[in-house]
Amino acid sequence: MPVELNEIEKAEVELEQWLVEQAENGIPEVVLIGLLRDYADDIEQLGYVPRMWGHTDH
């Protein structure tokens, strides 16, 4: 299913807003960079975005 340009732009804006909020709340940029790299590595290795990140139903 192709992704429309406006969907990509919306996701980009939302990610940017989230990153700014985290930085403004005192999360160091180096931590944010590490998180993004880890998630990008996971997604690249899996080939998709897991709908649950390591959560299990107990």
C-alpha atoms as a PDB file:
ATOM      1  CA  MET A   1       0.000   0.000   0.000  1.00  0.00           C
ATOM      2  CA  PRO A   2       1.649   3.248  -1.091  1.00  0.00           C
ATOM      3  CA  VAL A   3       2.079   6.008   1.450  1.00  0.00           C
ATOM      4  CA  GLU A   4       0.929   9.440   0.378  1.00  0.00           C
ATOM      5  CA  LEU A   5       3.295  12.374   0.713  1.00  0.00           C
ATOM      6  CA  ASN A   6       0.968  14.173   3.119  1.00  0.00           C
ATOM      7  CA  GLU A   7       1.022  11.106   5.428  1.00  0.00           C
ATOM      8  CA  ILE A   8       4.823  11.180   5.450  1.00  0.00           C
ATOM      9  CA  GLU A   9       4.865  14.908   6.135  1.00  0.00           C
ATOM     10  CA  LYS A  10       2.317  14.516   8.966  1.00  0.00           C
ATOM     11  CA  ALA A  11       4.372  11.737  10.555  1.00  0.00           C
ATOM     12  CA  GLU A  12       7.513  13.843  10.226  1.00  0.00           C
ATOM     13  CA  VAL A  13       5.882  16.846  11.906  1.00  0.00           C
ATOM     14  CA  GLU A  14       4.518  14.666  14.724  1.00  0.00           C
ATOM     15  CA  LEU A  15       7.926  13.076  15.309  1.00  0.00           C
ATOM     16  CA  GLU A  16       9.605  16.479  15.327  1.00  0.00           C
ATOM     17  CA  GLN A  17       7.054  17.782  17.838  1.00  0.00           C
ATOM     18  CA  TRP A  18       7.573  14.749  20.066  1.00  0.00           C
ATOM     19  CA  LEU A  19      11.357  15.160  19.949  1.00  0.00           C
ATOM     20  CA  VAL A  20      11.098  18.858  20.831  1.00  0.00           C
ATOM     21  CA  GLU A  21       8.762  18.064  23.745  1.00  0.00           C
ATOM     22  CA  GLN A  22      11.175  15.465  25.077  1.00  0.00           C
ATOM     23  CA  ALA A  23      14.138  17.829  24.806  1.00  0.00           C
ATOM     24  CA  GLU A  24      12.163  20.622  26.473  1.00  0.00           C
ATOM     25  CA  ASN A  25      11.294  18.186  29.292  1.00  0.00           C
ATOM     26  CA  GLY A  26      14.982  17.643  29.946  1.00  0.00           C
ATOM     27  CA  ILE A  27      15.689  14.440  28.034  1.00  0.00           C
ATOM     28  CA  PRO A  28      19.257  14.825  26.719  1.00  0.00           C
ATOM     29  CA  GLU A  29      19.604  14.841  22.949  1.00  0.00           C
ATOM     30  CA  VAL A  30      22.147  12.032  23.156  1.00  0.00           C
ATOM     31  CA  VAL A  31      19.462   9.842  24.780  1.00  0.00           C
ATOM     32  CA  LEU A  32      16.960  10.698  22.044  1.00  0.00           C
ATOM     33  CA  ILE A  33      19.545   9.920  19.365  1.00  0.00           C
ATOM     34  CA  GLY A  34      20.270   6.558  20.978  1.00  0.00           C
ATOM     35  CA  LEU A  35      16.573   5.696  21.149  1.00  0.00           C
ATOM     36  CA  LEU A  36      16.016   6.621  17.517  1.00  0.00           C
ATOM     37  CA  ARG A  37      19.018   4.573  16.406  1.00  0.00           C
ATOM     38  CA  ASP A  38      17.929   1.546  18.435  1.00  0.00           C
ATOM     39  CA  TYR A  39      14.395   1.661  17.069  1.00  0.00           C
ATOM     40  CA  ALA A  40      15.637   2.238  13.525  1.00  0.00           C
ATOM     41  CA  ASP A  41      17.963  -0.769  13.856  1.00  0.00           C
ATOM     42  CA  ASP A  42      15.123  -2.937  15.171  1.00  0.00           C
ATOM     43  CA  ILE A  43      12.775  -1.865  12.381  1.00  0.00           C
ATOM     44  CA  GLU A  44      15.444  -2.393   9.739  1.00  0.00           C
ATOM     45  CA  GLN A  45      16.272  -5.860  11.082  1.00  0.00           C
ATOM     46  CA  LEU A  46      12.613  -6.930  11.372  1.00  0.00           C
ATOM     47  CA  GLY A  47      11.497  -5.265   8.167  1.00  0.00           C
ATOM     48  CA  TYR A  48       8.428  -3.787   9.837  1.00  0.00           C
ATOM     49  CA  VAL A  49       7.318  -1.765  12.858  1.00  0.00           C
ATOM     50  CA  PRO A  50       6.143  -4.062  15.636  1.00  0.00           C
ATOM     51  CA  ARG A  51       2.717  -3.100  16.911  1.00  0.00           C
ATOM     52  CA  MET A  52       3.887  -3.922  20.438  1.00  0.00           C
ATOM     53  CA  TRP A  53       7.425  -3.127  21.594  1.00  0.00           C
ATOM     54  CA  GLY A  54       8.358  -5.897  23.975  1.00  0.00           C
ATOM     55  CA  HIS A  55       5.065  -5.761  25.864  1.00  0.00           C
ATOM     56  CA  THR A  56       3.332  -8.947  26.864  1.00  0.00           C
ATOM     57  CA  ASP A  57      -0.154  -9.550  28.175  1.00  0.00           C
ATOM     58  CA  HIS A  58       0.062 -10.948  31.694  1.00  0.00           C
END
